[in-house]
């Protein structure tokens, strides 16, 4: 898919897909959305219950969520096994043009960004002693995940109206089955149809305050 780099309101950058008329992140702030939804209400919450955290990201995209997850565990006694499925990988050349150095203030962290994108697909890569990355280039609809394995899912697909095939009852049943008991899914989305699909799969659904520009986000627990 053709993409364009756009700056969001907090100074961080995201990608825009003209074909879908859709941004990879919130135009109100890519960085603050990722921190609020996936790190504060996902990873930090999961770490109070699960050690290690076995994490699945739906949509690796620009690698921002992975980078911020790595930042959260940098020099800390946490262990994260990070898996991400992505059908349309973003090129390293494009990521280099997004100027992460303008909004990621930790120089040490930026050293890891190229490694996240150049890591080979379909094999585990020890980025840090406590952070292992495995990227899967595949289609969410057809890929088979392990059962009762993950304890945290970042559901960061494009919006339901842009890619409705990724927001079906069947998809959320598959993700529910991939989680161990007590595992959770977090998403920026708070649509009623999304919550109903989660409940149909068996999740206990919680509405939380959303990031800038959104009233609510969703956390669902198995």
Protein backbone atom coordinates (compact mmCIF):
# COMPACT_ATOMS: atom_id res chain seq x y z
CA UNK A 1 0.00 0.00 0.00
CA UNK A 2 1.19 3.51 -0.79
CA UNK A 3 1.80 5.59 2.35
CA UNK A 4 2.62 9.18 3.26
CA UNK A 5 4.31 10.53 6.39
CA UNK A 6 2.13 12.89 8.44
CA UNK A 7 2.90 14.81 11.65
CA UNK A 8 0.36 14.45 14.47
CA UNK A 9 -0.62 17.03 17.09
CA UNK A 10 1.92 15.94 19.72
CA UNK A 11 4.81 16.32 17.25
CA UNK A 12 5.17 12.61 16.56
CA UNK A 13 4.77 11.19 13.07
CA UNK A 14 2.50 8.54 11.62
CA UNK A 15 1.71 7.10 8.21
CA UNK A 16 -1.33 7.91 6.07
CA UNK A 17 -2.78 5.44 3.56
CA UNK A 18 -4.60 7.36 0.76
CA UNK A 19 -6.18 4.14 -0.55
CA UNK A 20 -8.02 3.69 2.76
CA UNK A 21 -8.11 7.35 3.80
CA UNK A 22 -6.70 6.12 7.10
CA UNK A 23 -3.82 6.96 9.46
CA UNK A 24 -1.77 4.34 11.31
CA UNK A 25 -2.21 6.31 14.56
CA UNK A 26 -4.37 9.05 15.99
CA UNK A 27 -3.89 12.45 14.34
CA UNK A 28 -4.26 13.89 17.86
CA UNK A 29 -0.94 12.32 18.80
CA UNK A 30 0.61 9.04 17.66
CA UNK A 31 3.02 8.86 20.58
CA UNK A 32 0.51 9.70 23.31
CA UNK A 33 -2.07 7.29 21.85
CA UNK A 34 0.41 4.40 21.92
CA UNK A 35 1.58 5.24 25.42
CA UNK A 36 -1.95 5.60 26.79
CA UNK A 37 -3.64 2.63 25.14
CA UNK A 38 -0.95 0.01 24.82
CA UNK A 39 1.67 0.82 27.44
CA UNK A 40 -0.21 2.37 30.37
CA UNK A 41 -3.47 0.43 30.05
CA UNK A 42 -2.01 -2.69 28.47
CA UNK A 43 1.59 -3.56 29.28
CA UNK A 44 1.87 -1.88 32.70
CA UNK A 45 -1.41 -3.46 33.78
CA UNK A 46 -0.44 -6.91 32.46
CA UNK A 47 2.92 -6.81 34.25
CA UNK A 48 1.12 -6.70 37.59
CA UNK A 49 -0.33 -10.15 36.82
CA UNK A 50 1.94 -11.92 34.34
CA UNK A 51 5.65 -12.77 34.36
CA UNK A 52 6.86 -13.04 31.71
CA UNK A 53 4.47 -11.14 29.44
CA UNK A 54 3.85 -13.07 26.21
CA UNK A 55 2.57 -10.36 23.92
CA UNK A 56 0.92 -10.44 20.50
CA UNK A 57 0.59 -7.27 18.45
CA UNK A 58 -1.94 -7.14 15.62
CA UNK A 59 -0.31 -4.77 13.14
CA UNK A 60 3.43 -4.12 13.67
CA UNK A 61 3.24 -1.01 11.47
CA UNK A 62 5.90 1.59 12.18
CA UNK A 63 7.22 -0.35 15.19
CA UNK A 64 6.19 2.41 17.61
CA UNK A 65 4.34 0.09 20.00
CA UNK A 66 7.25 -2.35 20.02
CA UNK A 67 9.75 0.46 20.66
CA UNK A 68 7.70 1.87 23.55
CA UNK A 69 7.31 -1.63 25.02
CA UNK A 70 11.06 -2.06 24.84
CA UNK A 71 11.46 1.32 26.54
CA UNK A 72 9.18 0.21 29.39
CA UNK A 73 11.30 -2.86 30.16
CA UNK A 74 14.70 -1.31 29.49
CA UNK A 75 16.94 -1.91 32.52
CA UNK A 76 14.02 -3.40 34.48
CA UNK A 77 13.43 -6.92 35.83
CA UNK A 78 10.64 -7.67 33.37
CA UNK A 79 10.63 -10.30 30.65
CA UNK A 80 8.68 -9.74 27.42
CA UNK A 81 8.25 -12.15 24.52
CA UNK A 82 6.93 -9.89 21.75
CA UNK A 83 5.25 -11.35 18.68
CA UNK A 84 3.68 -9.23 15.95
CA UNK A 85 1.71 -10.14 12.85
CA UNK A 86 1.86 -7.78 9.89
CA UNK A 87 0.62 -8.36 6.34
CA UNK A 88 2.15 -5.21 4.80
CA UNK A 89 5.55 -4.45 6.40
CA UNK A 90 6.76 -0.86 6.46
CA UNK A 91 10.17 -0.44 4.82
CA UNK A 92 13.22 0.53 6.85
CA UNK A 93 13.78 3.43 4.44
CA UNK A 94 10.34 4.86 5.21
CA UNK A 95 10.79 4.45 8.98
CA UNK A 96 14.09 6.33 8.72
CA UNK A 97 12.21 9.28 7.18
CA UNK A 98 9.73 9.46 10.07
CA UNK A 99 12.20 11.24 12.36
CA UNK A 100 11.62 9.22 15.50
CA UNK A 101 14.54 11.17 16.97
CA UNK A 102 12.30 14.27 17.15
CA UNK A 103 9.86 12.71 19.62
CA UNK A 104 11.67 9.74 21.19
CA UNK A 105 13.97 11.52 23.61
CA UNK A 106 15.96 8.50 24.81
CA UNK A 107 18.99 8.19 22.45
CA UNK A 108 19.68 4.67 23.74
CA UNK A 109 16.20 3.60 22.70
CA UNK A 110 16.66 4.89 19.15
CA UNK A 111 19.62 2.57 18.73
CA UNK A 112 17.18 -0.35 18.80
CA UNK A 113 14.72 0.99 16.20
CA UNK A 114 16.61 -0.25 13.10
CA UNK A 115 16.97 -3.69 14.68
CA UNK A 116 13.22 -3.97 15.17
CA UNK A 117 12.68 -3.43 11.44
CA UNK A 118 15.63 -5.39 10.06
CA UNK A 119 15.05 -8.43 12.29
CA UNK A 120 14.30 -11.48 10.14
CA UNK A 121 10.70 -12.63 9.89
CA UNK A 122 9.36 -15.81 11.48
CA UNK A 123 12.20 -16.40 13.92
CA UNK A 124 12.85 -15.22 17.50
CA UNK A 125 15.42 -12.43 17.85
CA UNK A 126 16.85 -11.52 21.31
CA UNK A 127 16.89 -7.71 21.07
CA UNK A 128 17.65 -7.46 24.81
CA UNK A 129 18.23 -10.18 27.40
CA UNK A 130 14.65 -9.51 28.58
CA UNK A 131 13.01 -8.63 25.22
CA UNK A 132 12.59 -11.20 22.47
CA UNK A 133 10.99 -10.23 19.14
CA UNK A 134 9.33 -12.49 16.59
CA UNK A 135 7.66 -10.92 13.55
CA UNK A 136 5.14 -12.83 11.48
CA UNK A 137 4.41 -11.71 7.92
CA UNK A 138 1.00 -13.18 7.35
CA UNK A 139 -2.74 -12.60 7.20
CA UNK A 140 -4.63 -12.37 10.49
CA UNK A 141 -7.64 -14.13 8.97
CA UNK A 142 -5.77 -17.29 7.99
CA UNK A 143 -2.85 -17.52 10.44
CA UNK A 144 -3.14 -20.10 13.23
CA UNK A 145 -2.02 -18.91 16.66
CA UNK A 146 -1.10 -21.17 19.58
CA UNK A 147 -3.92 -21.88 22.05
CA UNK A 148 -3.90 -20.56 25.64
CA UNK A 149 -0.48 -18.95 25.13
CA UNK A 150 -0.45 -15.14 25.07
CA UNK A 151 -1.37 -12.99 28.06
CA UNK A 152 -1.56 -9.62 26.30
CA UNK A 153 -2.76 -8.56 22.85
CA UNK A 154 -2.26 -5.11 21.34
CA UNK A 155 -5.12 -4.94 18.84
CA UNK A 156 -3.96 -2.11 16.60
CA UNK A 157 -5.59 -2.89 13.26
CA UNK A 158 -7.01 -0.18 11.01
CA UNK A 159 -10.47 1.05 12.03
CA UNK A 160 -13.48 -1.29 11.60
CA UNK A 161 -14.96 0.76 8.78
CA UNK A 162 -11.64 0.57 6.87
CA UNK A 163 -10.88 -3.15 7.31
CA UNK A 164 -14.11 -4.79 8.53
CA UNK A 165 -12.75 -8.27 7.80
CA UNK A 166 -10.37 -7.87 10.78
CA UNK A 167 -13.16 -7.00 13.25
CA UNK A 168 -15.42 -10.06 13.02
CA UNK A 169 -16.72 -12.44 15.68
CA UNK A 170 -14.48 -15.12 14.16
CA UNK A 171 -11.32 -13.01 14.56
CA UNK A 172 -12.03 -12.22 18.21
CA UNK A 173 -12.89 -15.84 18.97
CA UNK A 174 -9.51 -16.80 17.49
CA UNK A 175 -7.74 -14.20 19.64
CA UNK A 176 -9.70 -15.21 22.76
CA UNK A 177 -8.61 -18.82 22.23
CA UNK A 178 -4.97 -17.72 21.86
CA UNK A 179 -4.97 -16.08 25.31
CA UNK A 180 -4.33 -17.87 28.56
CA UNK A 181 -6.82 -17.44 31.41
CA UNK A 182 -6.55 -13.88 32.75
CA UNK A 183 -4.97 -12.66 29.52
CA UNK A 184 -6.17 -9.38 28.07
CA UNK A 185 -6.68 -7.45 24.84
CA UNK A 186 -6.40 -3.66 24.57
CA UNK A 187 -7.49 -1.44 21.68
CA UNK A 188 -8.02 2.22 20.88
CA UNK A 189 -11.45 1.25 19.52
CA UNK A 190 -14.59 1.60 21.64
CA UNK A 191 -17.35 0.92 19.08
CA UNK A 192 -20.40 -0.97 20.27
CA UNK A 193 -20.10 -3.62 17.54
CA UNK A 194 -16.49 -4.29 18.60
CA UNK A 195 -17.47 -4.72 22.25
CA UNK A 196 -20.31 -7.07 21.29
CA UNK A 197 -17.91 -9.24 19.29
CA UNK A 198 -15.55 -9.38 22.27
CA UNK A 199 -18.39 -10.39 24.59
CA UNK A 200 -19.60 -13.00 22.11
CA UNK A 201 -16.13 -14.55 22.22
CA UNK A 202 -16.27 -14.73 26.03
CA UNK A 203 -14.31 -11.63 27.07
CA UNK A 204 -15.20 -9.47 30.07
CA UNK A 205 -15.14 -5.99 28.54
CA UNK A 206 -14.10 -2.78 30.28
CA UNK A 207 -14.41 0.76 28.90
CA UNK A 208 -11.53 3.04 29.97
CA UNK A 209 -10.87 6.75 29.36
CA UNK A 210 -9.37 7.17 25.91
CA UNK A 211 -6.30 9.09 24.71
CA UNK A 212 -6.51 12.68 23.47
CA UNK A 213 -9.37 13.07 21.01
CA UNK A 214 -11.18 9.90 22.09
CA UNK A 215 -13.65 9.51 24.93
CA UNK A 216 -13.02 5.82 25.52
CA UNK A 217 -10.76 2.86 24.74
CA UNK A 218 -11.31 -0.83 25.43
CA UNK A 219 -9.68 -3.46 27.61
CA UNK A 220 -11.06 -7.01 27.51
CA UNK A 221 -10.04 -9.89 29.81
CA UNK A 222 -10.37 -13.66 29.36
